[in-house]
Amino acid sequence: MRLRVRLGYALLITAGFCAANQAAAQQANRDIARRAAIHPVSTASDMHLWLSRVPVTRAFPPDFETMLRDQASLYVIEMSTAPGCLPCADLWSKLLAFRARYGWQVRIIGAEEAMLRSGRLGLPWVGSPVAWVRAATDPNRMVPIAIGSDHGANIARNAWLAARMLTGARTAVGVRAMSKFTGIVGVRAPTSSNPKGR
């Protein structure tokens, strides 16, 4: 009987170690994937170097321009930003050009709201900038269109697809067609070990 009890404990402990090792391996894989997908930059040359590697959308649907202009009043683009963030300034300038061309509203949101949105959508918070298209009349219906800065053509394509998804196009189809998010984000401010500096 004692032998069975000991054997049972041994099996439980072994199973616990296996589960812990598997969880640690999964976390390590997620960390590796995240590091590969996120590119924090602190200089303009670094940002432009990463952007030079990002493919630019060249093929657009026939109704692209018309739909973006005709439905401008239905959507808002909102983005997060941070002080001294070069990719934030870059994305903002591209969103302003998009607004001038198509008439969409463009707004800034705070970091706390951006983190809450990312959590609701199951996105890891990677820093700023992140941009979303949302329905003008419903702040809870939104689609991310940029994580990090991107080329203007890709942002426009993603905004068009987000509008399609918000009006009923199947999400899986829209996400497959979207330009991949670049992950070119600003370097986070270092955390001070001095409580007064936090």
Protein backbone atom coordinates (compact mmCIF):
# COMPACT_ATOMS: atom_id res chain seq x y z
CA MET A 1 0.00 0.00 0.00
CA ARG A 2 2.77 2.43 0.96
CA LEU A 3 4.58 1.60 -2.26
CA ARG A 4 1.44 2.49 -4.25
CA VAL A 5 1.05 5.78 -2.39
CA ARG A 6 4.69 6.67 -3.00
CA LEU A 7 4.38 5.70 -6.63
CA GLY A 8 1.25 7.85 -6.92
CA TYR A 9 3.05 10.86 -5.40
CA ALA A 10 6.00 10.30 -7.71
CA LEU A 11 3.70 10.26 -10.75
CA LEU A 12 1.93 13.42 -9.61
CA ILE A 13 5.22 15.24 -9.06
CA THR A 14 6.52 14.09 -12.46
CA ALA A 15 3.31 15.23 -14.15
CA GLY A 16 3.62 18.59 -12.38
CA PHE A 17 7.20 19.04 -13.61
CA CYS A 18 6.18 18.11 -17.16
CA ALA A 19 3.29 20.60 -17.11
CA ALA A 20 5.57 23.34 -15.70
CA ASN A 21 8.22 22.60 -18.33
CA GLN A 22 5.64 22.66 -21.10
CA ALA A 23 4.21 25.98 -19.87
CA ALA A 24 7.73 27.45 -19.65
CA ALA A 25 8.50 26.25 -23.20
CA GLN A 26 5.28 27.77 -24.53
CA GLN A 27 6.05 31.08 -22.80
CA ALA A 28 9.59 31.04 -24.21
CA ASN A 29 8.20 30.42 -27.72
CA ARG A 30 5.75 33.32 -27.29
CA ASP A 31 8.59 35.58 -26.10
CA ILE A 32 10.74 34.63 -29.10
CA ALA A 33 7.84 35.24 -31.51
CA ARG A 34 7.09 38.58 -29.86
CA ARG A 35 10.72 39.71 -30.06
CA ALA A 36 10.79 38.73 -33.74
CA ALA A 37 7.57 40.67 -34.46
CA ILE A 38 8.26 43.85 -32.48
CA HIS A 39 10.95 46.33 -33.53
CA PRO A 40 11.49 49.12 -30.98
CA VAL A 41 13.30 52.06 -32.61
CA SER A 42 14.82 55.20 -31.12
CA THR A 43 16.35 56.84 -34.20
CA ALA A 44 14.89 57.98 -37.51
CA SER A 45 17.46 55.90 -39.44
CA ASP A 46 16.45 52.72 -37.54
CA MET A 47 12.78 53.41 -38.23
CA HIS A 48 13.37 54.02 -41.95
CA LEU A 49 15.56 50.91 -42.16
CA TRP A 50 12.75 48.74 -40.74
CA LEU A 51 10.15 50.44 -42.96
CA SER A 52 12.31 49.78 -46.03
CA ARG A 53 11.83 46.04 -45.36
CA VAL A 54 8.03 46.28 -45.27
CA PRO A 55 6.25 45.39 -48.56
CA VAL A 56 4.03 48.17 -49.94
CA THR A 57 0.47 47.35 -51.07
CA ARG A 58 0.19 47.99 -54.82
CA ALA A 59 -3.07 46.25 -55.80
CA PHE A 60 -6.32 47.87 -54.72
CA PRO A 61 -9.95 46.82 -55.27
CA PRO A 62 -11.89 48.76 -57.94
CA ASP A 63 -14.17 50.46 -55.37
CA PHE A 64 -11.31 51.41 -53.06
CA GLU A 65 -11.20 55.21 -53.45
CA THR A 66 -14.97 55.61 -53.83
CA MET A 67 -15.79 53.54 -50.76
CA LEU A 68 -13.24 55.33 -48.56
CA ARG A 69 -14.59 58.76 -49.53
CA ASP A 70 -18.30 57.86 -49.52
CA GLN A 71 -18.20 56.19 -46.09
CA ALA A 72 -15.88 58.68 -44.35
CA SER A 73 -18.60 59.81 -41.93
CA LEU A 74 -19.16 56.25 -40.68
CA TYR A 75 -15.68 55.61 -39.25
CA VAL A 76 -13.04 57.12 -36.99
CA ILE A 77 -9.35 56.23 -36.87
CA GLU A 78 -7.86 56.43 -33.39
CA MET A 79 -4.23 55.88 -32.45
CA SER A 80 -2.12 55.69 -29.33
CA THR A 81 1.03 57.75 -28.97
CA ALA A 82 3.78 58.51 -26.48
CA PRO A 83 6.14 61.45 -25.94
CA GLY A 84 9.31 61.27 -28.03
CA CYS A 85 8.02 58.28 -30.05
CA LEU A 86 9.33 58.57 -33.63
CA PRO A 87 7.06 55.88 -35.13
CA CYS A 88 4.08 57.63 -33.49
CA ALA A 89 4.92 60.91 -35.25
CA ASP A 90 5.45 59.01 -38.51
CA LEU A 91 2.10 57.19 -38.28
CA TRP A 92 0.32 60.40 -37.26
CA SER A 93 1.63 62.25 -40.33
CA LYS A 94 0.42 59.39 -42.56
CA LEU A 95 -3.00 59.36 -40.89
CA LEU A 96 -3.28 63.14 -41.44
CA ALA A 97 -2.51 62.59 -45.14
CA PHE A 98 -5.19 59.86 -45.19
CA ARG A 99 -7.67 62.28 -43.56
CA ALA A 100 -6.88 64.99 -46.12
CA ARG A 101 -7.37 62.56 -49.01
CA TYR A 102 -10.45 60.64 -47.83
CA GLY A 103 -12.12 62.83 -45.18
CA TRP A 104 -12.05 60.39 -42.25
CA GLN A 105 -11.80 61.64 -38.67
CA VAL A 106 -8.46 60.93 -36.99
CA ARG A 107 -7.95 61.13 -33.21
CA ILE A 108 -5.41 60.40 -30.50
CA ILE A 109 -6.32 58.19 -27.52
CA GLY A 110 -4.46 57.76 -24.24
CA ALA A 111 -2.16 54.86 -23.43
CA GLU A 112 -4.53 53.46 -20.81
CA GLU A 113 -7.43 53.29 -23.28
CA ALA A 114 -5.10 51.73 -25.87
CA MET A 115 -4.01 49.02 -23.41
CA LEU A 116 -7.64 48.26 -22.51
CA ARG A 117 -8.55 47.92 -26.18
CA SER A 118 -5.63 45.63 -26.86
CA GLY A 119 -6.67 43.46 -23.91
CA ARG A 120 -10.27 43.25 -25.13
CA LEU A 121 -9.09 42.13 -28.56
CA GLY A 122 -6.53 39.69 -27.15
CA LEU A 123 -3.56 41.65 -28.51
CA PRO A 124 -0.38 41.85 -26.43
CA TRP A 125 0.39 45.47 -25.53
CA VAL A 126 3.63 46.22 -27.35
CA GLY A 127 3.75 49.98 -26.98
CA SER A 128 2.82 52.83 -29.29
CA PRO A 129 1.68 53.48 -31.92
CA VAL A 130 -1.35 51.27 -32.43
CA ALA A 131 -4.20 52.46 -34.67
CA TRP A 132 -7.79 51.23 -34.85
CA VAL A 133 -10.74 51.92 -37.13
CA ARG A 134 -13.97 52.08 -35.19
CA ALA A 135 -17.58 52.71 -36.08
CA ALA A 136 -18.35 56.41 -35.44
CA THR A 137 -21.56 55.52 -33.59
CA ASP A 138 -20.23 52.54 -31.60
CA PRO A 139 -16.97 52.88 -29.63
CA ASN A 140 -16.97 49.14 -28.89
CA ARG A 141 -16.78 47.96 -32.52
CA MET A 142 -13.22 48.35 -33.75
CA VAL A 143 -10.55 46.71 -35.87
CA PRO A 144 -6.78 47.28 -35.45
CA ILE A 145 -5.19 48.57 -38.68
CA ALA A 146 -1.61 49.27 -37.57
CA ILE A 147 0.66 48.02 -34.81
CA GLY A 148 3.66 50.25 -35.30
CA SER A 149 4.09 52.70 -38.14
CA ASP A 150 3.58 51.55 -41.73
CA HIS A 151 3.51 52.79 -45.32
CA GLY A 152 0.60 55.05 -46.22
CA ALA A 153 -0.66 52.62 -48.87
CA ASN A 154 -0.80 49.77 -46.35
CA ILE A 155 -2.64 51.91 -43.80
CA ALA A 156 -5.22 52.90 -46.42
CA ARG A 157 -5.68 49.27 -47.49
CA ASN A 158 -6.12 48.17 -43.87
CA ALA A 159 -8.63 50.97 -43.21
CA TRP A 160 -10.66 49.86 -46.24
CA LEU A 161 -10.62 46.24 -45.03
CA ALA A 162 -11.54 47.29 -41.48
CA ALA A 163 -14.55 49.19 -42.83
CA ARG A 164 -15.57 46.08 -44.78
CA MET A 165 -15.28 43.94 -41.64
CA LEU A 166 -17.30 46.42 -39.60
CA THR A 167 -20.10 46.25 -42.18
CA GLY A 168 -20.33 42.48 -42.35
CA ALA A 169 -17.44 41.05 -44.38
CA ARG A 170 -16.16 37.88 -42.74
CA THR A 171 -13.39 38.72 -40.30
CA ALA A 172 -11.18 35.82 -41.36
CA VAL A 173 -11.25 37.01 -44.98
CA GLY A 174 -10.39 40.58 -43.99
CA VAL A 175 -7.58 39.60 -41.66
CA ARG A 176 -6.00 37.35 -44.30
CA ALA A 177 -6.05 40.23 -46.80
CA MET A 178 -4.67 42.84 -44.40
CA SER A 179 -1.09 43.98 -44.68
CA LYS A 180 0.92 42.40 -41.89
CA PHE A 181 1.49 44.70 -38.93
CA THR A 182 5.05 46.00 -38.89
CA GLY A 183 5.61 46.19 -35.13
CA ILE A 184 7.82 49.29 -35.62
CA VAL A 185 7.15 50.94 -32.27
CA GLY A 186 8.82 53.54 -30.09
CA VAL A 187 11.33 52.57 -27.43
CA ARG A 188 9.65 52.45 -24.04
CA ALA A 189 10.88 54.89 -21.43
CA PRO A 190 13.21 53.09 -18.99
CA THR A 191 11.68 52.31 -15.60
CA SER A 192 13.52 54.10 -12.81
CA SER A 193 14.54 52.13 -9.72
CA ASN A 194 14.14 55.35 -7.75
CA PRO A 195 10.53 55.61 -6.47
CA LYS A 196 10.62 59.39 -7.04
CA GLY A 197 11.48 58.81 -10.71
CA ARG A 198 8.46 56.61 -11.41
